[in-house]
Amino acid sequence: MPATRKTTDLLNNFNEILKFCQKNREPVYVTDDNQKEQAVMMSIEAYEELIGRLELYHSLQMGLDQINNGEFIEEDEFMEFLDNLE
């Protein structure tokens, strides 16, 4: 579960919060004194994994959209295409 820390806490305890993000692979919501969320801090590894998932979901959605729009080739046509690559 993501943690919430104040901006002043982030400034004073950056290394501790960074270690939390890296160890738990969870984001930290950074808030101001009014508890309004200002930013999200997360490890590079967690960020890259998140971006990778988004790119995968986007590619899958594009493929589904193409199928639904009839933009595909049949298996035998695809196999023939592969055979001609050799």
PDB file of N, CA and C in Angstrom:
ATOM      1  N   MET A   1       0.845  -1.180   0.000  1.00  0.00           N
ATOM      2  CA  MET A   1       0.000   0.000   0.000  1.00  0.00           C
ATOM      3  C   MET A   1       0.887   1.237   0.000  1.00  0.00           C
ATOM      4  N   PRO A   2       0.598   2.211  -0.849  1.00  0.00           N
ATOM      5  CA  PRO A   2       1.426   3.414  -0.925  1.00  0.00           C
ATOM      6  C   PRO A   2       1.424   4.188   0.390  1.00  0.00           C
ATOM      7  N   ALA A   3       2.553   4.805   0.676  1.00  0.00           N
ATOM      8  CA  ALA A   3       2.679   5.644   1.868  1.00  0.00           C
ATOM      9  C   ALA A   3       2.466   7.098   1.471  1.00  0.00           C
ATOM     10  N   THR A   4       2.157   7.931   2.456  1.00  0.00           N
ATOM     11  CA  THR A   4       2.004   9.361   2.233  1.00  0.00           C
ATOM     12  C   THR A   4       2.967  10.085   3.161  1.00  0.00           C
ATOM     13  N   ARG A   5       3.748  10.998   2.597  1.00  0.00           N
ATOM     14  CA  ARG A   5       4.696  11.777   3.395  1.00  0.00           C
ATOM     15  C   ARG A   5       4.582  13.237   2.992  1.00  0.00           C
ATOM     16  N   LYS A   6       4.863  14.125   3.940  1.00  0.00           N
ATOM     17  CA  LYS A   6       4.837  15.560   3.678  1.00  0.00           C
ATOM     18  C   LYS A   6       6.111  15.982   2.950  1.00  0.00           C
ATOM     19  N   THR A   7       6.029  17.091   2.239  1.00  0.00           N
ATOM     20  CA  THR A   7       7.191  17.580   1.489  1.00  0.00           C
ATOM     21  C   THR A   7       8.371  17.845   2.411  1.00  0.00           C
ATOM     22  N   THR A   8       8.128  18.375   3.586  1.00  0.00           N
ATOM     23  CA  THR A   8       9.239  18.631   4.514  1.00  0.00           C
ATOM     24  C   THR A   8       9.881  17.326   4.957  1.00  0.00           C
ATOM     25  N   ASP A   9       9.073  16.278   5.138  1.00  0.00           N
ATOM     26  CA  ASP A   9       9.604  14.969   5.500  1.00  0.00           C
ATOM     27  C   ASP A   9      10.457  14.416   4.365  1.00  0.00           C
ATOM     28  N   LEU A  10      10.018  14.635   3.142  1.00  0.00           N
ATOM     29  CA  LEU A  10      10.784  14.186   1.986  1.00  0.00           C
ATOM     30  C   LEU A  10      12.147  14.858   1.953  1.00  0.00           C
ATOM     31  N   LEU A  11      12.175  16.157   2.208  1.00  0.00           N
ATOM     32  CA  LEU A  11      13.437  16.888   2.201  1.00  0.00           C
ATOM     33  C   LEU A  11      14.373  16.420   3.318  1.00  0.00           C
ATOM     34  N   ASN A  12      13.811  16.125   4.475  1.00  0.00           N
ATOM     35  CA  ASN A  12      14.627  15.750   5.631  1.00  0.00           C
ATOM     36  C   ASN A  12      15.006  14.277   5.658  1.00  0.00           C
ATOM     37  N   ASN A  13      14.221  13.437   4.995  1.00  0.00           N
ATOM     38  CA  ASN A  13      14.426  11.976   5.066  1.00  0.00           C
ATOM     39  C   ASN A  13      14.433  11.327   3.693  1.00  0.00           C
ATOM     40  N   PHE A  14      15.020  12.008   2.733  1.00  0.00           N
ATOM     41  CA  PHE A  14      14.984  11.523   1.355  1.00  0.00           C
ATOM     42  C   PHE A  14      15.519  10.097   1.232  1.00  0.00           C
ATOM     43  N   ASN A  15      16.687   9.818   1.805  1.00  0.00           N
ATOM     44  CA  ASN A  15      17.297   8.489   1.655  1.00  0.00           C
ATOM     45  C   ASN A  15      16.425   7.394   2.257  1.00  0.00           C
ATOM     46  N   GLU A  16      15.810   7.666   3.395  1.00  0.00           N
ATOM     47  CA  GLU A  16      14.920   6.690   4.034  1.00  0.00           C
ATOM     48  C   GLU A  16      13.708   6.407   3.147  1.00  0.00           C
ATOM     49  N   ILE A  17      13.145   7.452   2.588  1.00  0.00           N
ATOM     50  CA  ILE A  17      11.958   7.289   1.736  1.00  0.00           C
ATOM     51  C   ILE A  17      12.337   6.571   0.447  1.00  0.00           C
ATOM     52  N   LEU A  18      13.500   6.894  -0.102  1.00  0.00           N
ATOM     53  CA  LEU A  18      13.971   6.209  -1.306  1.00  0.00           C
ATOM     54  C   LEU A  18      14.159   4.717  -1.041  1.00  0.00           C
ATOM     55  N   LYS A  19      14.736   4.374   0.089  1.00  0.00           N
ATOM     56  CA  LYS A  19      14.921   2.962   0.442  1.00  0.00           C
ATOM     57  C   LYS A  19      13.570   2.258   0.574  1.00  0.00           C
ATOM     58  N   PHE A  20      12.577   2.944   1.152  1.00  0.00           N
ATOM     59  CA  PHE A  20      11.226   2.381   1.250  1.00  0.00           C
ATOM     60  C   PHE A  20      10.695   2.055  -0.142  1.00  0.00           C
ATOM     61  N   CYS A  21      10.833   3.011  -1.067  1.00  0.00           N
ATOM     62  CA  CYS A  21      10.340   2.810  -2.444  1.00  0.00           C
ATOM     63  C   CYS A  21      11.029   1.626  -3.105  1.00  0.00           C
ATOM     64  N   GLN A  22      12.343   1.533  -2.914  1.00  0.00           N
ATOM     65  CA  GLN A  22      13.088   0.458  -3.555  1.00  0.00           C
ATOM     66  C   GLN A  22      12.779  -0.903  -2.936  1.00  0.00           C
ATOM     67  N   LYS A  23      12.696  -0.956  -1.615  1.00  0.00           N
ATOM     68  CA  LYS A  23      12.457  -2.224  -0.927  1.00  0.00           C
ATOM     69  C   LYS A  23      11.045  -2.736  -1.162  1.00  0.00           C
ATOM     70  N   ASN A  24      10.069  -1.863  -1.034  1.00  0.00           N
ATOM     71  CA  ASN A  24       8.671  -2.277  -1.110  1.00  0.00           C
ATOM     72  C   ASN A  24       8.066  -2.188  -2.496  1.00  0.00           C
ATOM     73  N   ARG A  25       8.786  -1.567  -3.431  1.00  0.00           N
ATOM     74  CA  ARG A  25       8.292  -1.370  -4.794  1.00  0.00           C
ATOM     75  C   ARG A  25       6.919  -0.713  -4.781  1.00  0.00           C
ATOM     76  N   GLU A  26       6.749   0.219  -3.848  1.00  0.00           N
ATOM     77  CA  GLU A  26       5.507   0.965  -3.686  1.00  0.00           C
ATOM     78  C   GLU A  26       5.796   2.451  -3.838  1.00  0.00           C
ATOM     79  N   PRO A  27       4.849   3.204  -4.372  1.00  0.00           N
ATOM     80  CA  PRO A  27       5.054   4.649  -4.474  1.00  0.00           C
ATOM     81  C   PRO A  27       4.827   5.333  -3.131  1.00  0.00           C
ATOM     82  N   VAL A  28       5.342   6.536  -3.032  1.00  0.00           N
ATOM     83  CA  VAL A  28       5.087   7.398  -1.879  1.00  0.00           C
ATOM     84  C   VAL A  28       4.415   8.648  -2.416  1.00  0.00           C
ATOM     85  N   TYR A  29       3.240   8.964  -1.877  1.00  0.00           N
ATOM     86  CA  TYR A  29       2.548  10.192  -2.243  1.00  0.00           C
ATOM     87  C   TYR A  29       3.117  11.320  -1.401  1.00  0.00           C
ATOM     88  N   VAL A  30       3.568  12.352  -2.048  1.00  0.00           N
ATOM     89  CA  VAL A  30       4.144  13.504  -1.358  1.00  0.00           C
ATOM     90  C   VAL A  30       3.073  14.582  -1.301  1.00  0.00           C
ATOM     91  N   THR A  31       2.794  15.063  -0.065  1.00  0.00           N
ATOM     92  CA  THR A  31       1.742  16.047   0.128  1.00  0.00           C
ATOM     93  C   THR A  31       2.303  17.328   0.730  1.00  0.00           C
ATOM     94  N   ASP A  32       1.547  18.394   0.583  1.00  0.00           N
ATOM     95  CA  ASP A  32       1.927  19.637   1.249  1.00  0.00           C
ATOM     96  C   ASP A  32       1.292  19.662   2.637  1.00  0.00           C
ATOM     97  N   ASP A  33       1.410  20.765   3.316  1.00  0.00           N
ATOM     98  CA  ASP A  33       0.874  20.854   4.679  1.00  0.00           C
ATOM     99  C   ASP A  33      -0.638  20.731   4.739  1.00  0.00           C
ATOM    100  N   ASN A  34      -1.335  20.978   3.647  1.00  0.00           N
ATOM    101  CA  ASN A  34      -2.795  20.849   3.603  1.00  0.00           C
ATOM    102  C   ASN A  34      -3.239  19.444   3.195  1.00  0.00           C
ATOM    103  N   GLN A  35      -2.287  18.506   3.123  1.00  0.00           N
ATOM    104  CA  GLN A  35      -2.547  17.121   2.726  1.00  0.00           C
ATOM    105  C   GLN A  35      -3.032  16.986   1.294  1.00  0.00           C
ATOM    106  N   LYS A  36      -2.722  17.960   0.466  1.00  0.00           N
ATOM    107  CA  LYS A  36      -3.038  17.855  -0.961  1.00  0.00           C
ATOM    108  C   LYS A  36      -1.863  17.156  -1.638  1.00  0.00           C
ATOM    109  N   GLU A  37      -2.155  16.124  -2.413  1.00  0.00           N
ATOM    110  CA  GLU A  37      -1.092  15.389  -3.089  1.00  0.00           C
ATOM    111  C   GLU A  37      -0.427  16.275  -4.123  1.00  0.00           C
ATOM    112  N   GLN A  38       0.888  16.307  -4.063  1.00  0.00           N
ATOM    113  CA  GLN A  38       1.670  17.149  -4.955  1.00  0.00           C
ATOM    114  C   GLN A  38       2.485  16.339  -5.973  1.00  0.00           C
ATOM    115  N   ALA A  39       2.918  15.158  -5.564  1.00  0.00           N
ATOM    116  CA  ALA A  39       3.778  14.362  -6.431  1.00  0.00           C
ATOM    117  C   ALA A  39       3.751  12.906  -5.968  1.00  0.00           C
ATOM    118  N   VAL A  40       4.324  12.050  -6.787  1.00  0.00           N
ATOM    119  CA  VAL A  40       4.479  10.640  -6.440  1.00  0.00           C
ATOM    120  C   VAL A  40       5.943  10.290  -6.623  1.00  0.00           C
ATOM    121  N   MET A  41       6.517   9.636  -5.637  1.00  0.00           N
ATOM    122  CA  MET A  41       7.903   9.194  -5.719  1.00  0.00           C
ATOM    123  C   MET A  41       7.904   7.674  -5.778  1.00  0.00           C
ATOM    124  N   MET A  42       8.687   7.129  -6.704  1.00  0.00           N
ATOM    125  CA  MET A  42       8.791   5.682  -6.812  1.00  0.00           C
ATOM    126  C   MET A  42      10.179   5.319  -7.315  1.00  0.00           C
ATOM    127  N   SER A  43      10.562   4.069  -7.130  1.00  0.00           N
ATOM    128  CA  SER A  43      11.863   3.620  -7.606  1.00  0.00           C
ATOM    129  C   SER A  43      11.881   3.597  -9.137  1.00  0.00           C
ATOM    130  N   ILE A  44      13.061   3.690  -9.690  1.00  0.00           N
ATOM    131  CA  ILE A  44      13.210   3.640 -11.145  1.00  0.00           C
ATOM    132  C   ILE A  44      12.699   2.297 -11.668  1.00  0.00           C
ATOM    133  N   GLU A  45      13.006   1.221 -10.945  1.00  0.00           N
ATOM    134  CA  GLU A  45      12.581  -0.107 -11.387  1.00  0.00           C
ATOM    135  C   GLU A  45      11.054  -0.201 -11.455  1.00  0.00           C
ATOM    136  N   ALA A  46      10.381   0.304 -10.425  1.00  0.00           N
ATOM    137  CA  ALA A  46       8.911   0.265 -10.421  1.00  0.00           C
ATOM    138  C   ALA A  46       8.341   1.139 -11.530  1.00  0.00           C
ATOM    139  N   TYR A  47       8.967   2.288 -11.757  1.00  0.00           N
ATOM    140  CA  TYR A  47       8.512   3.188 -12.821  1.00  0.00           C
ATOM    141  C   TYR A  47       8.665   2.531 -14.186  1.00  0.00           C
ATOM    142  N   GLU A  48       9.835   1.934 -14.444  1.00  0.00           N
ATOM    143  CA  GLU A  48      10.070   1.294 -15.737  1.00  0.00           C
ATOM    144  C   GLU A  48       9.119   0.117 -15.954  1.00  0.00           C
ATOM    145  N   GLU A  49       8.816  -0.627 -14.889  1.00  0.00           N
ATOM    146  CA  GLU A  49       7.860  -1.724 -15.004  1.00  0.00           C
ATOM    147  C   GLU A  49       6.472  -1.189 -15.344  1.00  0.00           C
ATOM    148  N   LEU A  50       6.083  -0.109 -14.694  1.00  0.00           N
ATOM    149  CA  LEU A  50       4.784   0.509 -14.962  1.00  0.00           C
ATOM    150  C   LEU A  50       4.687   0.988 -16.406  1.00  0.00           C
ATOM    151  N   ILE A  51       5.713   1.663 -16.879  1.00  0.00           N
ATOM    152  CA  ILE A  51       5.727   2.154 -18.259  1.00  0.00           C
ATOM    153  C   ILE A  51       5.694   0.975 -19.239  1.00  0.00           C
ATOM    154  N   GLY A  52       6.444  -0.077 -18.932  1.00  0.00           N
ATOM    155  CA  GLY A  52       6.432  -1.267 -19.789  1.00  0.00           C
ATOM    156  C   GLY A  52       5.044  -1.875 -19.899  1.00  0.00           C
ATOM    157  N   ARG A  53       4.340  -1.941 -18.774  1.00  0.00           N
ATOM    158  CA  ARG A  53       2.979  -2.469 -18.797  1.00  0.00           C
ATOM    159  C   ARG A  53       2.059  -1.581 -19.632  1.00  0.00           C
ATOM    160  N   LEU A  54       2.189  -0.282 -19.463  1.00  0.00           N
ATOM    161  CA  LEU A  54       1.344   0.632 -20.240  1.00  0.00           C
ATOM    162  C   LEU A  54       1.597   0.475 -21.733  1.00  0.00           C
ATOM    163  N   GLU A  55       2.872   0.332 -22.123  1.00  0.00           N
ATOM    164  CA  GLU A  55       3.197   0.151 -23.539  1.00  0.00           C
ATOM    165  C   GLU A  55       2.634  -1.172 -24.055  1.00  0.00           C
ATOM    166  N   LEU A  56       2.721  -2.228 -23.234  1.00  0.00           N
ATOM    167  CA  LEU A  56       2.168  -3.521 -23.629  1.00  0.00           C
ATOM    168  C   LEU A  56       0.654  -3.438 -23.796  1.00  0.00           C
ATOM    169  N   TYR A  57      -0.033  -2.841 -22.821  1.00  0.00           N
ATOM    170  CA  TYR A  57      -1.488  -2.705 -22.909  1.00  0.00           C
ATOM    171  C   TYR A  57      -1.890  -1.891 -24.131  1.00  0.00           C
ATOM    172  N   HIS A  58      -1.116  -0.847 -24.430  1.00  0.00           N
ATOM    173  CA  HIS A  58      -1.405  -0.025 -25.601  1.00  0.00           C
ATOM    174  C   HIS A  58      -1.255  -0.855 -26.883  1.00  0.00           C
ATOM    175  N   SER A  59      -0.190  -1.639 -26.971  1.00  0.00           N
ATOM    176  CA  SER A  59       0.030  -2.475 -28.154  1.00  0.00           C
ATOM    177  C   SER A  59      -1.068  -3.522 -28.303  1.00  0.00           C
ATOM    178  N   LEU A  60      -1.462  -4.123 -27.184  1.00  0.00           N
ATOM    179  CA  LEU A  60      -2.539  -5.113 -27.240  1.00  0.00           C
ATOM    180  C   LEU A  60      -3.851  -4.476 -27.685  1.00  0.00           C
ATOM    181  N   GLN A  61      -4.133  -3.279 -27.183  1.00  0.00           N
ATOM    182  CA  GLN A  61      -5.354  -2.599 -27.572  1.00  0.00           C
ATOM    183  C   GLN A  61      -5.336  -2.242 -29.057  1.00  0.00           C
ATOM    184  N   MET A  62      -4.175  -1.817 -29.555  1.00  0.00           N
ATOM    185  CA  MET A  62      -4.066  -1.516 -30.987  1.00  0.00           C
ATOM    186  C   MET A  62      -4.346  -2.771 -31.812  1.00  0.00           C
ATOM    187  N   GLY A  63      -3.807  -3.915 -31.372  1.00  0.00           N
ATOM    188  CA  GLY A  63      -4.045  -5.167 -32.081  1.00  0.00           C
ATOM    189  C   GLY A  63      -5.514  -5.560 -32.072  1.00  0.00           C
ATOM    190  N   LEU A  64      -6.150  -5.422 -30.916  1.00  0.00           N
ATOM    191  CA  LEU A  64      -7.579  -5.735 -30.832  1.00  0.00           C
ATOM    192  C   LEU A  64      -8.405  -4.812 -31.717  1.00  0.00           C
ATOM    193  N   ASP A  65      -8.045  -3.541 -31.736  1.00  0.00           N
ATOM    194  CA  ASP A  65      -8.750  -2.591 -32.599  1.00  0.00           C
ATOM    195  C   ASP A  65      -8.595  -2.968 -34.066  1.00  0.00           C
ATOM    196  N   GLN A  66      -7.379  -3.387 -34.454  1.00  0.00           N
ATOM    197  CA  GLN A  66      -7.158  -3.789 -35.841  1.00  0.00           C
ATOM    198  C   GLN A  66      -7.984  -5.023 -36.191  1.00  0.00           C
ATOM    199  N   ILE A  67      -8.031  -5.975 -35.274  1.00  0.00           N
ATOM    200  CA  ILE A  67      -8.851  -7.177 -35.519  1.00  0.00           C
ATOM    201  C   ILE A  67     -10.312  -6.793 -35.671  1.00  0.00           C
ATOM    202  N   ASN A  68     -10.802  -5.945 -34.773  1.00  0.00           N
ATOM    203  CA  ASN A  68     -12.210  -5.530 -34.836  1.00  0.00           C
ATOM    204  C   ASN A  68     -12.532  -4.745 -36.102  1.00  0.00           C
ATOM    205  N   ASN A  69     -11.531  -4.095 -36.691  1.00  0.00           N
ATOM    206  CA  ASN A  69     -11.726  -3.332 -37.922  1.00  0.00           C
ATOM    207  C   ASN A  69     -11.422  -4.153 -39.169  1.00  0.00           C
ATOM    208  N   GLY A  70     -11.148  -5.453 -38.975  1.00  0.00           N
ATOM    209  CA  GLY A  70     -10.870  -6.325 -40.115  1.00  0.00           C
ATOM    210  C   GLY A  70      -9.493  -6.125 -40.712  1.00  0.00           C
ATOM    211  N   GLU A  71      -8.600  -5.509 -39.980  1.00  0.00           N
ATOM    212  CA  GLU A  71      -7.246  -5.229 -40.475  1.00  0.00           C
ATOM    213  C   GLU A  71      -6.295  -6.340 -40.051  1.00  0.00           C
ATOM    214  N   PHE A  72      -6.437  -7.509 -40.666  1.00  0.00           N
ATOM    215  CA  PHE A  72      -5.571  -8.636 -40.349  1.00  0.00           C
ATOM    216  C   PHE A  72      -5.499  -9.542 -41.562  1.00  0.00           C
ATOM    217  N   ILE A  73      -4.530 -10.475 -41.506  1.00  0.00           N
ATOM    218  CA  ILE A  73      -4.439 -11.460 -42.573  1.00  0.00           C
ATOM    219  C   ILE A  73      -4.664 -12.840 -41.962  1.00  0.00           C
ATOM    220  N   GLU A  74      -5.135 -13.747 -42.774  1.00  0.00           N
ATOM    221  CA  GLU A  74      -5.404 -15.107 -42.320  1.00  0.00           C
ATOM    222  C   GLU A  74      -4.092 -15.843 -42.078  1.00  0.00           C
ATOM    223  N   GLU A  75      -4.172 -16.929 -41.312  1.00  0.00           N
ATOM    224  CA  GLU A  75      -2.987 -17.683 -40.926  1.00  0.00           C
ATOM    225  C   GLU A  75      -2.206 -18.196 -42.135  1.00  0.00           C
ATOM    226  N   ASP A  76      -2.894 -18.778 -43.127  1.00  0.00           N
ATOM    227  CA  ASP A  76      -2.184 -19.332 -44.279  1.00  0.00           C
ATOM    228  C   ASP A  76      -1.464 -18.238 -45.066  1.00  0.00           C
ATOM    229  N   GLU A  77      -2.055 -17.076 -45.156  1.00  0.00           N
ATOM    230  CA  GLU A  77      -1.415 -15.957 -45.841  1.00  0.00           C
ATOM    231  C   GLU A  77      -0.175 -15.500 -45.065  1.00  0.00           C
ATOM    232  N   PHE A  78      -0.273 -15.495 -43.740  1.00  0.00           N
ATOM    233  CA  PHE A  78       0.852 -15.107 -42.905  1.00  0.00           C
ATOM    234  C   PHE A  78       1.983 -16.129 -43.013  1.00  0.00           C
ATOM    235  N   MET A  79       1.645 -17.412 -42.999  1.00  0.00           N
ATOM    236  CA  MET A  79       2.659 -18.461 -43.118  1.00  0.00           C
ATOM    237  C   MET A  79       3.366 -18.378 -44.466  1.00  0.00           C
ATOM    238  N   GLU A  80       2.624 -18.083 -45.521  1.00  0.00           N
ATOM    239  CA  GLU A  80       3.221 -17.916 -46.842  1.00  0.00           C
ATOM    240  C   GLU A  80       4.186 -16.730 -46.834  1.00  0.00           C
ATOM    241  N   PHE A  81       3.792 -15.657 -46.179  1.00  0.00           N
ATOM    242  CA  PHE A  81       4.646 -14.473 -46.043  1.00  0.00           C
ATOM    243  C   PHE A  81       5.944 -14.853 -45.337  1.00  0.00           C
ATOM    244  N   LEU A  82       5.852 -15.626 -44.264  1.00  0.00           N
ATOM    245  CA  LEU A  82       7.053 -16.049 -43.528  1.00  0.00           C
ATOM    246  C   LEU A  82       7.946 -16.926 -44.397  1.00  0.00           C
ATOM    247  N   ASP A  83       7.342 -17.842 -45.150  1.00  0.00           N
ATOM    248  CA  ASP A  83       8.107 -18.722 -46.025  1.00  0.00           C
ATOM    249  C   ASP A  83       8.901 -17.925 -47.058  1.00  0.00           C
ATOM    250  N   ASN A  84       8.321 -16.836 -47.534  1.00  0.00           N
ATOM    251  CA  ASN A  84       8.993 -16.024 -48.545  1.00  0.00           C
ATOM    252  C   ASN A  84      10.137 -15.177 -47.968  1.00  0.00           C
ATOM    253  N   LEU A  85      10.206 -15.067 -46.663  1.00  0.00           N
ATOM    254  CA  LEU A  85      11.307 -14.311 -46.035  1.00  0.00           C
ATOM    255  C   LEU A  85      12.611 -15.080 -46.082  1.00  0.00           C
ATOM    256  N   GLU A  86      12.556 -16.371 -46.168  1.00  0.00           N
ATOM    257  CA  GLU A  86      13.762 -17.214 -46.110  1.00  0.00           C
ATOM    258  C   GLU A  86      14.535 -17.184 -47.374  1.00  0.00           C
TER     259      GLU A  86
END
